[in-house]
Protein backbone atom coordinates (compact mmCIF):
# COMPACT_ATOMS: atom_id res chain seq x y z
CA MET A 1 -0.09 -0.01 -0.13
CA SER A 2 0.89 3.62 -1.12
CA SER A 3 1.11 6.52 1.93
CA TYR A 4 0.95 9.93 2.08
CA ILE A 5 3.51 11.21 4.69
CA ILE A 6 1.86 14.91 5.93
CA GLU A 7 3.70 17.36 8.01
CA GLY A 8 0.46 19.64 9.25
CA GLY A 9 0.38 23.19 10.52
CA LYS A 10 1.26 24.67 6.73
CA ARG A 11 -0.99 27.65 5.68
CA LEU A 12 -1.96 27.37 1.90
CA GLU A 13 -1.90 29.89 -0.65
CA GLY A 14 -1.40 30.09 -3.92
CA GLU A 15 -3.07 29.25 -7.45
CA ALA A 16 -4.18 26.01 -8.31
CA VAL A 17 -6.04 24.15 -11.87
CA VAL A 18 -8.47 22.00 -11.33
CA SER A 19 -8.26 18.80 -13.57
CA GLY A 20 -10.78 17.46 -15.40
CA SER A 21 -13.96 15.73 -14.14
CA LYS A 22 -13.56 12.04 -12.87
CA ASN A 23 -17.27 11.72 -12.88
CA ALA A 24 -17.94 12.81 -16.54
CA SER A 25 -14.74 11.23 -18.01
CA LEU A 26 -16.01 7.61 -17.04
CA PRO A 27 -19.55 7.55 -19.07
CA ILE A 28 -17.55 9.69 -21.55
CA LEU A 29 -14.95 7.22 -22.21
CA ALA A 30 -17.71 4.82 -22.30
CA SER A 31 -19.82 6.44 -24.55
CA THR A 32 -17.08 6.04 -27.03
CA ILE A 33 -18.03 2.57 -27.69
CA LEU A 34 -20.95 3.96 -29.70
CA ASN A 35 -19.29 5.94 -32.28
CA LYS A 36 -17.63 3.40 -34.54
CA GLY A 37 -14.91 5.32 -35.48
CA THR A 38 -12.43 7.93 -33.44
CA THR A 39 -13.36 10.06 -30.62
CA LYS A 40 -10.26 12.51 -29.43
CA LEU A 41 -11.28 13.60 -25.62
CA TYR A 42 -9.07 16.12 -23.76
CA ASN A 43 -9.00 17.13 -20.27
CA VAL A 44 -9.18 13.62 -18.91
CA PRO A 45 -7.99 13.06 -15.67
CA GLU A 46 -4.52 10.80 -15.04
CA ILE A 47 -5.79 9.19 -12.45
CA SER A 48 -6.51 5.17 -11.46
CA ASP A 49 -10.19 5.23 -12.78
CA THR A 50 -9.51 6.58 -16.11
CA LYS A 51 -6.98 4.04 -16.56
CA ILE A 52 -9.39 1.09 -15.43
CA THR A 53 -11.84 2.25 -17.79
CA GLU A 54 -9.21 2.66 -20.79
CA ASP A 55 -8.01 -0.43 -19.81
CA ILE A 56 -11.54 -2.06 -20.31
CA LEU A 57 -11.94 -0.41 -23.94
CA LYS A 58 -8.77 -2.36 -24.93
CA ILE A 59 -9.77 -5.43 -23.74
CA LEU A 60 -12.81 -5.05 -26.08
CA GLY A 61 -10.56 -4.44 -29.02
CA CYS A 62 -10.23 -0.64 -28.60
CA LYS A 63 -7.34 1.33 -29.96
CA VAL A 64 -6.45 3.74 -27.23
CA LYS A 65 -3.57 6.58 -27.52
CA LYS A 66 -2.71 9.07 -24.91
CA ASN A 67 -1.05 11.60 -24.59
CA ASN A 68 -0.72 14.66 -22.17
CA GLY A 69 -4.53 14.88 -20.90
CA LYS A 70 -5.76 13.77 -24.49
CA VAL A 71 -7.03 10.35 -25.05
CA GLU A 72 -7.89 9.01 -28.85
CA ILE A 73 -10.23 6.33 -29.23
CA ASN A 74 -10.83 3.73 -32.13
CA SER A 75 -14.02 1.67 -31.01
CA LYS A 76 -14.24 0.43 -35.06
CA ASN A 77 -12.96 -3.10 -34.23
CA ILE A 78 -14.63 -4.30 -31.07
CA VAL A 79 -14.56 -7.81 -30.71
CA LYS A 80 -16.01 -8.77 -27.36
CA LYS A 81 -19.34 -8.12 -25.50
CA GLU A 82 -17.90 -8.79 -21.92
CA ILE A 83 -16.24 -6.25 -19.22
CA PRO A 84 -13.71 -8.13 -17.64
CA GLU A 85 -14.52 -9.60 -13.88
CA GLU A 86 -11.56 -8.59 -12.34
CA LEU A 87 -11.78 -4.90 -14.03
CA MET A 88 -15.13 -4.93 -12.72
CA HIS A 89 -14.42 -5.64 -9.42
CA GLN A 90 -11.80 -2.61 -8.50
CA MET A 91 -14.69 -0.23 -9.62
CA ARG A 92 -18.40 0.13 -9.55
CA SER A 93 -18.55 3.14 -12.50
CA THR A 94 -17.62 0.52 -15.14
CA VAL A 95 -21.37 -0.62 -14.84
CA VAL A 96 -22.23 1.95 -17.56
CA MET A 97 -19.80 0.19 -20.31
CA ALA A 98 -22.91 -2.22 -19.78
CA GLY A 99 -25.18 0.80 -21.45
CA ALA A 100 -22.76 1.59 -24.57
CA ILE A 101 -22.09 -2.12 -25.01
CA LEU A 102 -25.52 -2.77 -25.17
CA GLY A 103 -26.22 0.08 -27.38
CA ARG A 104 -23.78 -0.67 -29.88
CA PHE A 105 -24.50 -4.64 -29.58
CA ASN A 106 -27.98 -5.28 -28.10
CA GLU A 107 -25.53 -7.73 -25.86
CA VAL A 108 -23.49 -7.32 -22.95
CA ARG A 109 -22.56 -10.08 -20.23
CA PHE A 110 -20.78 -8.28 -16.78
CA SER A 111 -20.54 -9.18 -12.92
CA TYR A 112 -21.53 -7.00 -10.14
CA PRO A 113 -19.34 -3.68 -9.91
CA GLY A 114 -17.13 -3.04 -6.87
CA GLY A 115 -15.12 0.04 -5.56
CA CYS A 116 -15.61 2.27 -2.65
CA ASP A 117 -17.52 0.44 0.35
CA ILE A 118 -19.65 3.27 1.19
CA GLY A 119 -23.06 1.58 0.73
CA ALA A 120 -25.37 -0.85 -0.97
CA ARG A 121 -25.60 1.07 -4.31
CA PRO A 122 -27.46 -1.84 -6.05
CA ILE A 123 -27.91 -2.23 -9.65
CA ASP A 124 -31.06 -2.82 -9.59
CA LEU A 125 -32.19 0.31 -11.17
CA HIS A 126 -30.05 -0.13 -14.21
CA LEU A 127 -31.60 -3.30 -14.85
CA LYS A 128 -35.36 -2.57 -14.36
CA SER A 129 -34.59 0.03 -16.81
CA PHE A 130 -32.97 -1.96 -19.44
CA GLU A 131 -36.01 -4.30 -19.20
CA LYS A 132 -38.46 -1.56 -19.80
CA LEU A 133 -36.16 -1.28 -23.05
CA GLY A 134 -37.23 -4.43 -24.06
CA ILE A 135 -33.85 -6.41 -22.91
CA ASN A 136 -33.99 -9.80 -21.34
CA ILE A 137 -31.69 -10.36 -18.67
CA THR A 138 -30.58 -13.71 -17.07
CA GLU A 139 -27.99 -13.76 -14.35
CA ASN A 140 -25.59 -16.83 -14.19
CA ALA A 141 -22.64 -17.89 -11.32
CA GLY A 142 -22.50 -14.26 -10.36
CA PHE A 143 -22.65 -12.31 -14.20
CA ILE A 144 -25.62 -10.74 -15.68
CA ILE A 145 -26.12 -11.71 -19.17
CA CYS A 146 -28.26 -8.65 -21.17
CA LYS A 147 -29.57 -9.64 -24.62
CA CYS A 148 -32.37 -8.27 -27.54
CA ASP A 149 -32.74 -8.48 -30.74
CA LYS A 150 -33.45 -4.39 -30.68
CA ILE A 151 -33.91 -2.07 -28.09
CA ILE A 152 -37.21 -0.46 -28.12
CA GLY A 153 -37.73 2.91 -26.79
CA ALA A 154 -39.79 3.51 -23.52
CA ASN A 155 -40.81 5.56 -20.72
CA ILE A 156 -38.98 5.23 -17.65
CA ASP A 157 -39.39 6.40 -13.97
CA LEU A 158 -36.86 6.23 -12.04
CA ASP A 159 -37.67 5.12 -8.12
CA PHE A 160 -34.46 7.50 -7.32
CA PRO A 161 -32.32 10.00 -9.53
CA SER A 162 -29.41 7.88 -9.76
CA VAL A 163 -26.62 9.21 -11.51
CA GLY A 164 -25.60 5.43 -13.26
CA ALA A 165 -28.89 4.40 -13.73
CA THR A 166 -29.88 7.74 -15.74
CA GLU A 167 -26.04 7.45 -17.66
CA ASN A 168 -26.73 3.93 -18.54
CA ILE A 169 -30.23 4.40 -19.75
CA ILE A 170 -29.17 7.61 -22.08
CA LEU A 171 -26.14 4.87 -23.24
CA ALA A 172 -28.75 2.20 -24.04
CA SER A 173 -31.23 4.23 -25.70
CA VAL A 174 -28.76 6.33 -28.28
CA TYR A 175 -29.46 3.94 -31.33
CA ALA A 176 -32.93 2.93 -30.06
CA GLU A 177 -35.87 2.67 -32.28
CA GLY A 178 -38.22 5.46 -31.19
CA ILE A 179 -37.96 7.53 -27.99
CA THR A 180 -36.98 6.73 -24.63
CA SER A 181 -38.25 9.56 -21.66
CA ILE A 182 -36.55 9.40 -18.21
CA THR A 183 -38.47 10.91 -14.91
CA ASN A 184 -36.93 11.83 -11.99
CA ALA A 185 -33.17 11.68 -14.13
CA ALA A 186 -30.24 12.56 -12.06
CA MET A 187 -29.40 16.10 -12.76
CA GLU A 188 -25.76 16.24 -12.22
CA PRO A 189 -23.52 18.16 -14.56
CA GLU A 190 -21.99 14.92 -15.36
CA ILE A 191 -25.03 14.35 -17.11
CA VAL A 192 -25.21 17.51 -19.27
CA ASP A 193 -21.20 16.51 -20.22
CA LEU A 194 -22.19 13.07 -21.20
CA ALA A 195 -25.19 14.85 -23.28
CA ASN A 196 -23.46 17.38 -24.58
CA CYS A 197 -20.51 14.89 -25.80
CA LEU A 198 -23.10 12.30 -27.34
CA ASN A 199 -25.10 15.49 -29.20
CA LYS A 200 -21.68 16.59 -30.59
CA MET A 201 -21.58 12.83 -32.30
CA GLY A 202 -25.33 13.26 -33.79
CA ALA A 203 -27.35 11.68 -30.81
CA LYS A 204 -30.49 13.29 -29.97
CA ILE A 205 -30.77 13.97 -26.32
CA GLU A 206 -33.00 16.63 -25.11
CA GLY A 207 -33.34 17.44 -21.43
CA ALA A 208 -29.73 16.67 -19.27
CA GLY A 209 -29.59 18.86 -16.72
CA THR A 210 -33.27 18.44 -15.98
CA SER A 211 -35.15 15.42 -14.05
CA ASN A 212 -36.93 14.81 -17.58
CA ILE A 213 -34.88 13.63 -20.66
CA LYS A 214 -36.02 12.59 -23.44
CA ILE A 215 -33.31 10.27 -26.09
CA THR A 216 -34.80 10.12 -29.93
CA GLY A 217 -32.73 7.11 -31.44
CA VAL A 218 -30.36 7.39 -34.28
CA LYS A 219 -28.72 5.63 -37.14
CA LYS A 220 -25.30 6.31 -36.60
CA LEU A 221 -22.73 8.94 -35.27
CA LYS A 222 -19.88 10.73 -35.86
CA ASP A 223 -16.06 11.22 -35.03
CA ILE A 224 -15.69 14.03 -32.61
CA SER A 225 -13.34 15.90 -30.60
CA TYR A 226 -14.53 16.71 -27.15
CA ASN A 227 -13.31 18.56 -24.11
CA ILE A 228 -14.41 17.23 -20.76
CA MET A 229 -15.48 19.60 -17.71
CA PRO A 230 -13.60 20.30 -14.90
CA ASP A 231 -13.85 18.45 -11.81
CA ARG A 232 -16.43 19.96 -9.31
CA ILE A 233 -15.48 17.67 -6.32
CA GLU A 234 -11.90 18.52 -7.02
CA ALA A 235 -12.50 21.98 -6.49
CA GLY A 236 -14.57 21.49 -3.26
CA THR A 237 -11.95 19.11 -1.94
CA LEU A 238 -9.15 21.99 -2.81
CA LEU A 239 -11.23 24.90 -1.17
CA CYS A 240 -11.98 23.30 2.14
CA MET A 241 -8.43 21.86 2.28
CA VAL A 242 -7.18 25.61 1.88
CA ALA A 243 -10.14 26.70 4.08
CA ALA A 244 -9.21 24.14 7.13
CA THR A 245 -5.45 25.69 6.96
CA GLY A 246 -7.00 29.21 7.48
CA GLY A 247 -5.38 29.87 3.66
CA LYS A 248 -5.91 31.86 0.53
CA VAL A 249 -6.02 30.27 -2.75
CA SER A 250 -7.18 31.05 -6.61
CA LEU A 251 -8.58 27.72 -8.40
CA LYS A 252 -8.72 28.12 -12.13
CA ASN A 253 -10.71 26.16 -14.75
CA ILE A 254 -13.72 25.91 -12.80
CA ASN A 255 -17.35 27.31 -13.53
CA SER A 256 -18.89 28.27 -10.06
CA ASP A 257 -22.17 27.51 -10.86
CA ILE A 258 -21.43 23.79 -10.62
CA ILE A 259 -20.63 23.72 -7.01
CA SER A 260 -22.76 26.64 -5.46
CA PRO A 261 -23.81 25.16 -2.70
CA VAL A 262 -20.75 24.11 -1.43
CA LEU A 263 -19.45 27.63 -1.88
CA THR A 264 -22.80 28.82 0.06
CA LYS A 265 -21.33 26.75 2.94
CA LEU A 266 -17.95 27.54 2.77
CA GLU A 267 -19.16 31.41 3.04
CA GLU A 268 -21.19 30.06 6.49
CA THR A 269 -18.08 29.03 7.77
CA GLY A 270 -16.46 32.62 7.39
CA CYS A 271 -14.61 32.69 4.04
CA LYS A 272 -14.51 35.57 1.46
CA ILE A 273 -15.42 34.21 -2.10
CA ASP A 274 -15.05 36.04 -4.90
CA ILE A 275 -15.98 34.59 -8.38
CA ARG A 276 -14.70 35.50 -11.80
CA ARG A 277 -14.94 34.06 -15.18
CA ASN A 278 -13.83 30.36 -14.96
CA GLU A 279 -11.67 31.36 -11.34
CA ILE A 280 -13.12 31.12 -7.75
CA ASN A 281 -10.67 32.57 -5.22
CA LEU A 282 -11.32 32.04 -1.25
CA GLU A 283 -9.79 33.67 1.66
CA ALA A 284 -10.30 31.72 4.96
CA PRO A 285 -10.19 33.26 8.16
CA LYS A 286 -8.21 32.24 10.94
CA ARG A 287 -10.54 29.53 12.62
CA LEU A 288 -13.65 28.58 10.54
CA LYS A 289 -17.37 28.87 12.16
CA SER A 290 -19.40 26.10 12.72
CA THR A 291 -22.26 25.24 9.82
CA ASP A 292 -24.27 22.38 9.17
CA ILE A 293 -24.66 20.10 5.81
CA LYS A 294 -27.21 17.73 4.51
CA THR A 295 -26.36 15.59 1.11
CA MET A 296 -28.82 15.69 -1.24
CA PRO A 297 -29.12 14.62 -5.21
CA TYR A 298 -27.62 17.78 -7.60
CA PRO A 299 -28.58 20.83 -6.87
CA GLY A 300 -28.39 19.91 -3.06
CA PHE A 301 -25.05 19.55 -1.29
CA PRO A 302 -23.03 16.96 -3.43
CA THR A 303 -22.33 13.57 -0.93
CA ASP A 304 -18.98 13.30 -2.63
CA MET A 305 -18.18 16.65 -0.93
CA GLN A 306 -19.67 15.32 2.64
CA SER A 307 -16.87 13.70 4.37
CA VAL A 308 -13.84 16.83 3.20
CA PHE A 309 -16.25 19.48 4.21
CA SER A 310 -16.94 17.34 7.43
CA SER A 311 -13.14 16.91 8.12
CA MET A 312 -12.66 20.78 7.54
CA LEU A 313 -15.29 21.39 10.50
CA THR A 314 -13.79 19.17 13.21
CA THR A 315 -11.52 22.36 13.64
CA SER A 316 -14.30 25.24 13.49
CA LYS A 317 -15.34 27.23 16.10
CA GLY A 318 -18.80 25.73 17.69
CA THR A 319 -21.01 22.38 16.86
CA SER A 320 -21.95 21.34 13.31
CA VAL A 321 -24.47 18.99 12.09
CA ILE A 322 -24.07 16.40 9.31
CA ILE A 323 -26.98 14.66 7.77
CA GLU A 324 -25.74 11.75 5.08
CA ASN A 325 -28.87 11.08 3.11
CA ILE A 326 -27.55 8.91 -0.04
CA PHE A 327 -24.63 6.77 1.16
CA GLU A 328 -25.52 4.44 4.12
CA ASN A 329 -21.32 3.78 5.34
CA ARG A 330 -20.46 7.20 4.39
CA TYR A 331 -18.85 8.22 8.00
CA LYS A 332 -16.43 4.55 8.00
CA TYR A 333 -13.34 7.55 7.94
CA MET A 334 -14.89 9.19 11.29
CA SER A 335 -13.37 6.60 13.54
CA GLU A 336 -9.79 7.33 11.69
CA LEU A 337 -10.47 11.23 12.57
CA LYS A 338 -11.62 10.68 16.17
CA LYS A 339 -7.59 9.00 16.11
CA MET A 340 -6.53 12.39 15.63
CA GLY A 341 -8.89 13.73 18.46
CA ALA A 342 -11.79 14.76 16.33
CA LYS A 343 -14.56 14.81 18.53
CA ILE A 344 -17.65 13.30 16.78
CA THR A 345 -20.43 11.55 17.39
CA ILE A 346 -22.77 9.24 15.54
CA GLU A 347 -25.99 8.53 15.83
CA GLY A 348 -27.84 6.71 12.15
CA LYS A 349 -27.52 9.44 8.75
CA THR A 350 -26.46 12.14 11.15
CA ALA A 351 -22.99 13.18 12.38
CA VAL A 352 -22.26 15.80 15.23
CA ILE A 353 -18.89 17.41 14.94
CA LYS A 354 -17.79 19.57 17.95
CA GLY A 355 -15.15 21.62 17.36
CA THR A 356 -11.60 21.33 18.56
CA LYS A 357 -8.50 23.89 18.32
CA ARG A 358 -6.27 21.25 17.12
CA LEU A 359 -6.15 17.97 15.71
CA ILE A 360 -3.27 15.67 16.33
CA ALA A 361 -1.05 13.49 13.99
CA ALA A 362 -1.56 9.71 13.89
CA LYS A 363 -1.38 6.78 11.09
CA VAL A 364 -4.60 6.40 10.14
CA ASN A 365 -6.19 4.58 6.85
CA SER A 366 -8.06 5.58 3.83
CA THR A 367 -11.02 3.82 3.74
CA ASP A 368 -12.70 4.93 0.64
CA LEU A 369 -11.89 7.87 -2.09
CA ARG A 370 -13.59 10.71 -0.38
CA GLY A 371 -12.63 9.41 3.31
CA GLY A 372 -9.09 9.17 1.91
CA ALA A 373 -9.51 12.88 1.09
CA ALA A 374 -10.76 14.11 4.37
CA LEU A 375 -8.03 12.59 6.00
CA VAL A 376 -5.64 14.67 3.76
CA THR A 377 -7.95 17.57 5.31
CA ALA A 378 -7.36 16.70 8.70
CA ALA A 379 -3.58 16.04 8.28
CA LEU A 380 -2.73 19.47 6.59
CA VAL A 381 -4.01 21.20 10.06
CA ALA A 382 -3.00 18.22 12.37
CA LYS A 383 -0.06 19.12 14.77
CA GLY A 384 2.82 17.18 13.95
CA LYS A 385 3.50 14.04 10.78
CA THR A 386 0.59 11.92 9.92
CA GLU A 387 0.96 9.05 7.87
CA ILE A 388 -2.31 8.13 5.93
CA THR A 389 -2.29 4.51 4.60
CA ASN A 390 -4.04 2.81 1.43
CA VAL A 391 -4.13 6.24 -0.43
CA GLU A 392 -4.71 3.87 -3.49
CA TYR A 393 -8.29 4.66 -3.23
CA ILE A 394 -7.54 8.67 -2.88
CA LEU A 395 -5.46 8.11 -6.32
CA ARG A 396 -8.56 6.81 -8.38
CA GLY A 397 -10.36 10.40 -8.20
CA TYR A 398 -7.57 12.95 -7.68
CA GLU A 399 -4.99 13.76 -10.27
CA ASP A 400 -2.02 15.09 -9.05
CA LEU A 401 -3.28 16.17 -5.62
CA ASP A 402 0.14 15.71 -3.25
CA LYS A 403 1.83 17.94 -6.63
CA LYS A 404 -1.09 20.78 -6.13
CA LEU A 405 -0.56 20.88 -2.41
CA ARG A 406 2.70 20.90 -2.57
CA TYR A 407 2.40 24.13 -4.96
CA LEU A 408 0.19 25.52 -2.65
CA GLY A 409 2.82 25.50 0.48
CA ALA A 410 1.76 21.54 1.95
CA ASN A 411 4.56 19.24 3.38
CA ILE A 412 3.13 16.26 1.68
CA THR A 413 5.01 13.21 -0.09
CA LEU A 414 3.80 10.10 -1.74
CA LYS A 415 5.75 7.22 -0.10
CA GLU A 416 5.07 4.42 -3.17
CA GLY A 417 4.07 0.66 -1.72
CA GLU A 418 6.34 -2.35 -2.52
């Protein structure tokens, strides 16, 4: 396992450029399966999740060329219709590959996905939606086999605005006969980015970013170049890390609209925020004030920001109440924060954080991607040298996090695992 070694107590200050979005890159990489030619993608983050997705594309038969944030995928000669089991288990979001393979071949075979253990996250919404599109689903020895003669447009009403299910329906429906409509669709900006990319290829998707999406089936797509949106969770994470240290930062390559709930809450803690075109400037007070957060589907406060924001609040003045409404296991990282002196009590989906002036360095373990980032946030303010183990989780979703933090003045090193 690799580790971060962080000497806390340094005030972070300077500029940082936000990388391309992890959560937009993965479905957009999957969408290249639908284009039976070449797709050029720019601003793809160099993280382990995108590498796994690119590996799956290669195994399927795509030619993948990479160069400095640009990924060129030729999907003309795909030979396989199965997502490799070992890669499926590494990352939950591989499940969106299923919709893309189905959309192109009317057939796919895959196992249940893995990834971070932050809750049940069943894929029943995905499978129910596939069935509505006329796809037959069978299970055999832990594998799911989806097959049909043709995909037929349908009206799909989601029980919950699931991002993955919404993406899978869109991908499966691009070549469908007729019109597919999704009610109670997820409204995240990453859905909009996927739809924009597919529409540029020649798909007909309307309403992305609202709760009602309409996909009119088309016969073919075309080769394109597409620039992936910036990562709003990385942007929010960097803002919280700087704020925790009482620092000051200018974030470049970020549209403030996509993280407005996070900015509102940062202002409640006493941070001064100045928004300019594709730039967010934050200046934090010496000590933050407490605030309450409640995670909700977009446009509410993002569940992916809860861990880092909560970690930042452990040294705020006063008591904060956190309510996690999306994933039931998302507080696992808090037991690690307690080792560092954080005063937290948890009951069900509610956590109460009583701010303490200073955290103490300790050896702690990343439990998941965002929980790992929460531990980095705590280590940046803790007195002494913290070692965070199992940072492979963090490397799944943040491009060059240690380099960006060092550039802002943090004392952080990455110790490679054996």
